[in-house]
Amino acid sequence: MADPTGLAPSDAELVDRAHSGDAGAFARLYDRRLSPVYRYVYYHVGSKQDAEDISATVFARAVQSLPRFRGKDCSFSTWL
């Protein structure tokens, strides 16, 4: 869904949309946060393949755990 203001939705807005069942919203969160997660993991494991596998696991668990995310306590990127 296009934002009428022309601005990209915040992570909090995308999380709210994902909570409502909008798979596209979680896909946007994934696209937005994959690179930082991958870099963090790669720094710690030093293997491209392992970093890709672990990053995929992070997002698989995140989508399953999204109902437990409490945005009032922290940002999505911190929680992730």
PDB file of N, CA and C in Angstrom:
ATOM      1  N   MET A   1       0.845  -1.173   0.000  1.00  0.00           N
ATOM      2  CA  MET A   1       0.000   0.000   0.000  1.00  0.00           C
ATOM      3  C   MET A   1       0.890   1.236   0.000  1.00  0.00           C
ATOM      4  N   ALA A   2       0.626   2.170  -0.880  1.00  0.00           N
ATOM      5  CA  ALA A   2       1.408   3.394  -0.966  1.00  0.00           C
ATOM      6  C   ALA A   2       1.025   4.338   0.164  1.00  0.00           C
ATOM      7  N   ASP A   3       2.027   5.036   0.669  1.00  0.00           N
ATOM      8  CA  ASP A   3       1.802   6.009   1.726  1.00  0.00           C
ATOM      9  C   ASP A   3       1.360   7.314   1.077  1.00  0.00           C
ATOM     10  N   PRO A   4       0.202   7.876   1.471  1.00  0.00           N
ATOM     11  CA  PRO A   4      -0.294   9.089   0.821  1.00  0.00           C
ATOM     12  C   PRO A   4       0.618  10.297   1.032  1.00  0.00           C
ATOM     13  N   THR A   5       1.457  10.278   2.056  1.00  0.00           N
ATOM     14  CA  THR A   5       2.358  11.404   2.306  1.00  0.00           C
ATOM     15  C   THR A   5       3.593  11.338   1.427  1.00  0.00           C
ATOM     16  N   GLY A   6       3.832  10.191   0.781  1.00  0.00           N
ATOM     17  CA  GLY A   6       5.018  10.019  -0.038  1.00  0.00           C
ATOM     18  C   GLY A   6       6.236   9.605   0.768  1.00  0.00           C
ATOM     19  N   LEU A   7       6.094   9.496   2.074  1.00  0.00           N
ATOM     20  CA  LEU A   7       7.187   9.082   2.934  1.00  0.00           C
ATOM     21  C   LEU A   7       7.113   7.576   3.187  1.00  0.00           C
ATOM     22  N   ALA A   8       8.261   6.968   3.354  1.00  0.00           N
ATOM     23  CA  ALA A   8       8.278   5.537   3.670  1.00  0.00           C
ATOM     24  C   ALA A   8       7.722   5.347   5.074  1.00  0.00           C
ATOM     25  N   PRO A   9       6.928   4.306   5.264  1.00  0.00           N
ATOM     26  CA  PRO A   9       6.387   4.064   6.614  1.00  0.00           C
ATOM     27  C   PRO A   9       7.508   3.697   7.582  1.00  0.00           C
ATOM     28  N   SER A  10       7.318   4.052   8.824  1.00  0.00           N
ATOM     29  CA  SER A  10       8.294   3.716   9.859  1.00  0.00           C
ATOM     30  C   SER A  10       8.232   2.224  10.154  1.00  0.00           C
ATOM     31  N   ASP A  11       9.243   1.729  10.844  1.00  0.00           N
ATOM     32  CA  ASP A  11       9.215   0.336  11.279  1.00  0.00           C
ATOM     33  C   ASP A  11       7.982   0.071  12.124  1.00  0.00           C
ATOM     34  N   ALA A  12       7.654   0.991  13.007  1.00  0.00           N
ATOM     35  CA  ALA A  12       6.483   0.803  13.887  1.00  0.00           C
ATOM     36  C   ALA A  12       5.201   0.659  13.065  1.00  0.00           C
ATOM     37  N   GLU A  13       5.061   1.463  12.023  1.00  0.00           N
ATOM     38  CA  GLU A  13       3.882   1.355  11.165  1.00  0.00           C
ATOM     39  C   GLU A  13       3.859   0.012  10.434  1.00  0.00           C
ATOM     40  N   LEU A  14       5.019  -0.409   9.955  1.00  0.00           N
ATOM     41  CA  LEU A  14       5.081  -1.692   9.263  1.00  0.00           C
ATOM     42  C   LEU A  14       4.782  -2.849  10.210  1.00  0.00           C
ATOM     43  N   VAL A  15       5.262  -2.763  11.443  1.00  0.00           N
ATOM     44  CA  VAL A  15       4.960  -3.801  12.430  1.00  0.00           C
ATOM     45  C   VAL A  15       3.457  -3.852  12.683  1.00  0.00           C
ATOM     46  N   ASP A  16       2.828  -2.692  12.833  1.00  0.00           N
ATOM     47  CA  ASP A  16       1.373  -2.662  13.036  1.00  0.00           C
ATOM     48  C   ASP A  16       0.643  -3.312  11.862  1.00  0.00           C
ATOM     49  N   ARG A  17       1.089  -3.015  10.657  1.00  0.00           N
ATOM     50  CA  ARG A  17       0.465  -3.614   9.472  1.00  0.00           C
ATOM     51  C   ARG A  17       0.696  -5.124   9.439  1.00  0.00           C
ATOM     52  N   ALA A  18       1.906  -5.535   9.791  1.00  0.00           N
ATOM     53  CA  ALA A  18       2.215  -6.970   9.820  1.00  0.00           C
ATOM     54  C   ALA A  18       1.367  -7.678  10.865  1.00  0.00           C
ATOM     55  N   HIS A  19       1.153  -7.028  12.023  1.00  0.00           N
ATOM     56  CA  HIS A  19       0.273  -7.592  13.062  1.00  0.00           C
ATOM     57  C   HIS A  19      -1.131  -7.816  12.519  1.00  0.00           C
ATOM     58  N   SER A  20      -1.533  -6.975  11.595  1.00  0.00           N
ATOM     59  CA  SER A  20      -2.873  -7.080  11.015  1.00  0.00           C
ATOM     60  C   SER A  20      -2.932  -8.069   9.865  1.00  0.00           C
ATOM     61  N   GLY A  21      -1.826  -8.756   9.609  1.00  0.00           N
ATOM     62  CA  GLY A  21      -1.821  -9.787   8.572  1.00  0.00           C
ATOM     63  C   GLY A  21      -1.270  -9.352   7.229  1.00  0.00           C
ATOM     64  N   ASP A  22      -0.706  -8.165   7.150  1.00  0.00           N
ATOM     65  CA  ASP A  22      -0.145  -7.665   5.893  1.00  0.00           C
ATOM     66  C   ASP A  22       1.253  -8.255   5.694  1.00  0.00           C
ATOM     67  N   ALA A  23       1.338  -9.321   4.882  1.00  0.00           N
ATOM     68  CA  ALA A  23       2.623  -9.988   4.632  1.00  0.00           C
ATOM     69  C   ALA A  23       3.595  -9.052   3.922  1.00  0.00           C
ATOM     70  N   GLY A  24       3.077  -8.163   3.121  1.00  0.00           N
ATOM     71  CA  GLY A  24       3.930  -7.200   2.425  1.00  0.00           C
ATOM     72  C   GLY A  24       4.638  -6.267   3.380  1.00  0.00           C
ATOM     73  N   ALA A  25       3.991  -5.965   4.494  1.00  0.00           N
ATOM     74  CA  ALA A  25       4.622  -5.093   5.493  1.00  0.00           C
ATOM     75  C   ALA A  25       5.822  -5.784   6.111  1.00  0.00           C
ATOM     76  N   PHE A  26       5.689  -7.072   6.424  1.00  0.00           N
ATOM     77  CA  PHE A  26       6.844  -7.784   6.980  1.00  0.00           C
ATOM     78  C   PHE A  26       7.936  -7.912   5.929  1.00  0.00           C
ATOM     79  N   ALA A  27       7.558  -8.079   4.685  1.00  0.00           N
ATOM     80  CA  ALA A  27       8.557  -8.148   3.613  1.00  0.00           C
ATOM     81  C   ALA A  27       9.350  -6.848   3.535  1.00  0.00           C
ATOM     82  N   ARG A  28       8.691  -5.725   3.745  1.00  0.00           N
ATOM     83  CA  ARG A  28       9.404  -4.435   3.744  1.00  0.00           C
ATOM     84  C   ARG A  28      10.335  -4.340   4.941  1.00  0.00           C
ATOM     85  N   LEU A  29       9.905  -4.826   6.097  1.00  0.00           N
ATOM     86  CA  LEU A  29      10.792  -4.851   7.268  1.00  0.00           C
ATOM     87  C   LEU A  29      12.013  -5.723   6.992  1.00  0.00           C
ATOM     88  N   TYR A  30      11.779  -6.867   6.368  1.00  0.00           N
ATOM     89  CA  TYR A  30      12.862  -7.775   5.999  1.00  0.00           C
ATOM     90  C   TYR A  30      13.855  -7.073   5.077  1.00  0.00           C
ATOM     91  N   ASP A  31      13.337  -6.448   4.028  1.00  0.00           N
ATOM     92  CA  ASP A  31      14.203  -5.753   3.077  1.00  0.00           C
ATOM     93  C   ASP A  31      15.002  -4.641   3.766  1.00  0.00           C
ATOM     94  N   ARG A  32      14.365  -3.969   4.692  1.00  0.00           N
ATOM     95  CA  ARG A  32      14.984  -2.841   5.378  1.00  0.00           C
ATOM     96  C   ARG A  32      16.048  -3.294   6.376  1.00  0.00           C
ATOM     97  N   ARG A  33      15.840  -4.434   7.010  1.00  0.00           N
ATOM     98  CA  ARG A  33      16.712  -4.852   8.123  1.00  0.00           C
ATOM     99  C   ARG A  33      17.648  -6.010   7.804  1.00  0.00           C
ATOM    100  N   LEU A  34      17.520  -6.625   6.634  1.00  0.00           N
ATOM    101  CA  LEU A  34      18.368  -7.772   6.313  1.00  0.00           C
ATOM    102  C   LEU A  34      19.849  -7.414   6.306  1.00  0.00           C
ATOM    103  N   SER A  35      20.213  -6.347   5.662  1.00  0.00           N
ATOM    104  CA  SER A  35      21.629  -5.988   5.551  1.00  0.00           C
ATOM    105  C   SER A  35      22.290  -5.767   6.913  1.00  0.00           C
ATOM    106  N   PRO A  36      21.697  -4.992   7.815  1.00  0.00           N
ATOM    107  CA  PRO A  36      22.334  -4.828   9.128  1.00  0.00           C
ATOM    108  C   PRO A  36      22.426  -6.138   9.915  1.00  0.00           C
ATOM    109  N   VAL A  37      21.400  -6.972   9.820  1.00  0.00           N
ATOM    110  CA  VAL A  37      21.436  -8.258  10.525  1.00  0.00           C
ATOM    111  C   VAL A  37      22.545  -9.128   9.943  1.00  0.00           C
ATOM    112  N   TYR A  38      22.612  -9.196   8.620  1.00  0.00           N
ATOM    113  CA  TYR A  38      23.637 -10.007   7.969  1.00  0.00           C
ATOM    114  C   TYR A  38      25.036  -9.524   8.357  1.00  0.00           C
ATOM    115  N   ARG A  39      25.264  -8.216   8.307  1.00  0.00           N
ATOM    116  CA  ARG A  39      26.587  -7.681   8.665  1.00  0.00           C
ATOM    117  C   ARG A  39      26.949  -8.021  10.100  1.00  0.00           C
ATOM    118  N   TYR A  40      26.006  -7.882  11.017  1.00  0.00           N
ATOM    119  CA  TYR A  40      26.245  -8.197  12.427  1.00  0.00           C
ATOM    120  C   TYR A  40      26.626  -9.673  12.587  1.00  0.00           C
ATOM    121  N   VAL A  41      25.849 -10.539  11.973  1.00  0.00           N
ATOM    122  CA  VAL A  41      26.096 -11.975  12.080  1.00  0.00           C
ATOM    123  C   VAL A  41      27.426 -12.339  11.421  1.00  0.00           C
ATOM    124  N   TYR A  42      27.666 -11.808  10.235  1.00  0.00           N
ATOM    125  CA  TYR A  42      28.917 -12.123   9.524  1.00  0.00           C
ATOM    126  C   TYR A  42      30.130 -11.698  10.347  1.00  0.00           C
ATOM    127  N   TYR A  43      30.049 -10.557  10.993  1.00  0.00           N
ATOM    128  CA  TYR A  43      31.139 -10.082  11.843  1.00  0.00           C
ATOM    129  C   TYR A  43      31.469 -11.111  12.929  1.00  0.00           C
ATOM    130  N   HIS A  44      30.440 -11.744  13.456  1.00  0.00           N
ATOM    131  CA  HIS A  44      30.637 -12.696  14.555  1.00  0.00           C
ATOM    132  C   HIS A  44      31.002 -14.098  14.095  1.00  0.00           C
ATOM    133  N   VAL A  45      30.522 -14.522  12.935  1.00  0.00           N
ATOM    134  CA  VAL A  45      30.793 -15.901  12.514  1.00  0.00           C
ATOM    135  C   VAL A  45      31.854 -16.008  11.429  1.00  0.00           C
ATOM    136  N   GLY A  46      32.050 -14.948  10.641  1.00  0.00           N
ATOM    137  CA  GLY A  46      33.098 -14.929   9.636  1.00  0.00           C
ATOM    138  C   GLY A  46      32.895 -15.829   8.433  1.00  0.00           C
ATOM    139  N   SER A  47      31.715 -16.370   8.278  1.00  0.00           N
ATOM    140  CA  SER A  47      31.418 -17.257   7.156  1.00  0.00           C
ATOM    141  C   SER A  47      30.184 -16.731   6.436  1.00  0.00           C
ATOM    142  N   LYS A  48      30.325 -16.528   5.121  1.00  0.00           N
ATOM    143  CA  LYS A  48      29.203 -16.016   4.335  1.00  0.00           C
ATOM    144  C   LYS A  48      28.001 -16.955   4.420  1.00  0.00           C
ATOM    145  N   GLN A  49      28.225 -18.247   4.221  1.00  0.00           N
ATOM    146  CA  GLN A  49      27.125 -19.217   4.243  1.00  0.00           C
ATOM    147  C   GLN A  49      26.454 -19.270   5.608  1.00  0.00           C
ATOM    148  N   ASP A  50      27.258 -19.319   6.671  1.00  0.00           N
ATOM    149  CA  ASP A  50      26.680 -19.339   8.017  1.00  0.00           C
ATOM    150  C   ASP A  50      25.905 -18.055   8.301  1.00  0.00           C
ATOM    151  N   ALA A  51      26.437 -16.919   7.877  1.00  0.00           N
ATOM    152  CA  ALA A  51      25.752 -15.646   8.100  1.00  0.00           C
ATOM    153  C   ALA A  51      24.418 -15.612   7.357  1.00  0.00           C
ATOM    154  N   GLU A  52      24.385 -16.147   6.138  1.00  0.00           N
ATOM    155  CA  GLU A  52      23.129 -16.207   5.390  1.00  0.00           C
ATOM    156  C   GLU A  52      22.122 -17.115   6.090  1.00  0.00           C
ATOM    157  N   ASP A  53      22.586 -18.278   6.541  1.00  0.00           N
ATOM    158  CA  ASP A  53      21.687 -19.224   7.221  1.00  0.00           C
ATOM    159  C   ASP A  53      21.149 -18.645   8.524  1.00  0.00           C
ATOM    160  N   ILE A  54      22.019 -18.043   9.309  1.00  0.00           N
ATOM    161  CA  ILE A  54      21.606 -17.482  10.600  1.00  0.00           C
ATOM    162  C   ILE A  54      20.669 -16.300  10.383  1.00  0.00           C
ATOM    163  N   SER A  55      20.961 -15.462   9.401  1.00  0.00           N
ATOM    164  CA  SER A  55      20.090 -14.318   9.113  1.00  0.00           C
ATOM    165  C   SER A  55      18.694 -14.791   8.717  1.00  0.00           C
ATOM    166  N   ALA A  56      18.631 -15.841   7.901  1.00  0.00           N
ATOM    167  CA  ALA A  56      17.329 -16.398   7.514  1.00  0.00           C
ATOM    168  C   ALA A  56      16.577 -16.908   8.742  1.00  0.00           C
ATOM    169  N   THR A  57      17.293 -17.540   9.647  1.00  0.00           N
ATOM    170  CA  THR A  57      16.678 -18.046  10.876  1.00  0.00           C
ATOM    171  C   THR A  57      16.166 -16.908  11.742  1.00  0.00           C
ATOM    172  N   VAL A  58      16.936 -15.835  11.831  1.00  0.00           N
ATOM    173  CA  VAL A  58      16.519 -14.664  12.612  1.00  0.00           C
ATOM    174  C   VAL A  58      15.161 -14.167  12.120  1.00  0.00           C
ATOM    175  N   PHE A  59      15.014 -14.028  10.806  1.00  0.00           N
ATOM    176  CA  PHE A  59      13.754 -13.500  10.275  1.00  0.00           C
ATOM    177  C   PHE A  59      12.614 -14.511  10.354  1.00  0.00           C
ATOM    178  N   ALA A  60      12.924 -15.783  10.223  1.00  0.00           N
ATOM    179  CA  ALA A  60      11.885 -16.807  10.381  1.00  0.00           C
ATOM    180  C   ALA A  60      11.335 -16.776  11.806  1.00  0.00           C
ATOM    181  N   ARG A  61      12.231 -16.651  12.766  1.00  0.00           N
ATOM    182  CA  ARG A  61      11.788 -16.579  14.166  1.00  0.00           C
ATOM    183  C   ARG A  61      11.077 -15.266  14.455  1.00  0.00           C
ATOM    184  N   ALA A  62      11.536 -14.195  13.821  1.00  0.00           N
ATOM    185  CA  ALA A  62      10.901 -12.893  14.040  1.00  0.00           C
ATOM    186  C   ALA A  62       9.456 -12.900  13.569  1.00  0.00           C
ATOM    187  N   VAL A  63       9.203 -13.469  12.395  1.00  0.00           N
ATOM    188  CA  VAL A  63       7.834 -13.484  11.891  1.00  0.00           C
ATOM    189  C   VAL A  63       6.935 -14.336  12.788  1.00  0.00           C
ATOM    190  N   GLN A  64       7.479 -15.406  13.358  1.00  0.00           N
ATOM    191  CA  GLN A  64       6.708 -16.242  14.281  1.00  0.00           C
ATOM    192  C   GLN A  64       6.472 -15.539  15.615  1.00  0.00           C
ATOM    193  N   SER A  65       7.432 -14.722  16.032  1.00  0.00           N
ATOM    194  CA  SER A  65       7.364 -14.064  17.338  1.00  0.00           C
ATOM    195  C   SER A  65       6.744 -12.679  17.289  1.00  0.00           C
ATOM    196  N   LEU A  66       6.422 -12.195  16.115  1.00  0.00           N
ATOM    197  CA  LEU A  66       5.907 -10.840  15.974  1.00  0.00           C
ATOM    198  C   LEU A  66       4.723 -10.532  16.894  1.00  0.00           C
ATOM    199  N   PRO A  67       3.813 -11.473  17.140  1.00  0.00           N
ATOM    200  CA  PRO A  67       2.709 -11.154  18.061  1.00  0.00           C
ATOM    201  C   PRO A  67       3.179 -10.794  19.482  1.00  0.00           C
ATOM    202  N   ARG A  68       4.376 -11.219  19.848  1.00  0.00           N
ATOM    203  CA  ARG A  68       4.890 -10.902  21.185  1.00  0.00           C
ATOM    204  C   ARG A  68       5.710  -9.615  21.229  1.00  0.00           C
ATOM    205  N   PHE A  69       5.939  -8.996  20.064  1.00  0.00           N
ATOM    206  CA  PHE A  69       6.698  -7.751  20.026  1.00  0.00           C
ATOM    207  C   PHE A  69       5.886  -6.637  20.662  1.00  0.00           C
ATOM    208  N   ARG A  70       6.513  -5.923  21.597  1.00  0.00           N
ATOM    209  CA  ARG A  70       5.859  -4.794  22.265  1.00  0.00           C
ATOM    210  C   ARG A  70       6.619  -3.527  21.897  1.00  0.00           C
ATOM    211  N   GLY A  71       6.132  -2.849  20.896  1.00  0.00           N
ATOM    212  CA  GLY A  71       6.807  -1.676  20.375  1.00  0.00           C
ATOM    213  C   GLY A  71       6.965  -0.535  21.350  1.00  0.00           C
ATOM    214  N   LYS A  72       6.194  -0.549  22.414  1.00  0.00           N
ATOM    215  CA  LYS A  72       6.330   0.516  23.410  1.00  0.00           C
ATOM    216  C   LYS A  72       7.596   0.339  24.233  1.00  0.00           C
ATOM    217  N   ASP A  73       8.130  -0.880  24.267  1.00  0.00           N
ATOM    218  CA  ASP A  73       9.308  -1.160  25.083  1.00  0.00           C
ATOM    219  C   ASP A  73      10.621  -0.965  24.337  1.00  0.00           C
ATOM    220  N   CYS A  74      10.602  -1.139  23.011  1.00  0.00           N
ATOM    221  CA  CYS A  74      11.828  -0.990  22.228  1.00  0.00           C
ATOM    222  C   CYS A  74      11.476  -0.865  20.751  1.00  0.00           C
ATOM    223  N   SER A  75      12.473  -0.502  19.955  1.00  0.00           N
ATOM    224  CA  SER A  75      12.257  -0.408  18.522  1.00  0.00           C
ATOM    225  C   SER A  75      12.298  -1.806  17.905  1.00  0.00           C
ATOM    226  N   PHE A  76      11.790  -1.930  16.707  1.00  0.00           N
ATOM    227  CA  PHE A  76      11.814  -3.217  16.026  1.00  0.00           C
ATOM    228  C   PHE A  76      13.250  -3.680  15.804  1.00  0.00           C
ATOM    229  N   SER A  77      14.122  -2.780  15.392  1.00  0.00           N
ATOM    230  CA  SER A  77      15.507  -3.180  15.115  1.00  0.00           C
ATOM    231  C   SER A  77      16.214  -3.662  16.380  1.00  0.00           C
ATOM    232  N   THR A  78      15.935  -3.052  17.517  1.00  0.00           N
ATOM    233  CA  THR A  78      16.522  -3.512  18.776  1.00  0.00           C
ATOM    234  C   THR A  78      15.981  -4.887  19.150  1.00  0.00           C
ATOM    235  N   TRP A  79      14.679  -5.064  19.014  1.00  0.00           N
ATOM    236  CA  TRP A  79      14.043  -6.345  19.327  1.00  0.00           C
ATOM    237  C   TRP A  79      14.560  -7.436  18.424  1.00  0.00           C
ATOM    238  N   LEU A  80      14.699  -7.103  17.151  1.00  0.00           N
ATOM    239  CA  LEU A  80      15.168  -8.089  16.174  1.00  0.00           C
ATOM    240  C   LEU A  80      16.544  -8.575  16.545  1.00  0.00           C
TER     241      LEU A  80
END
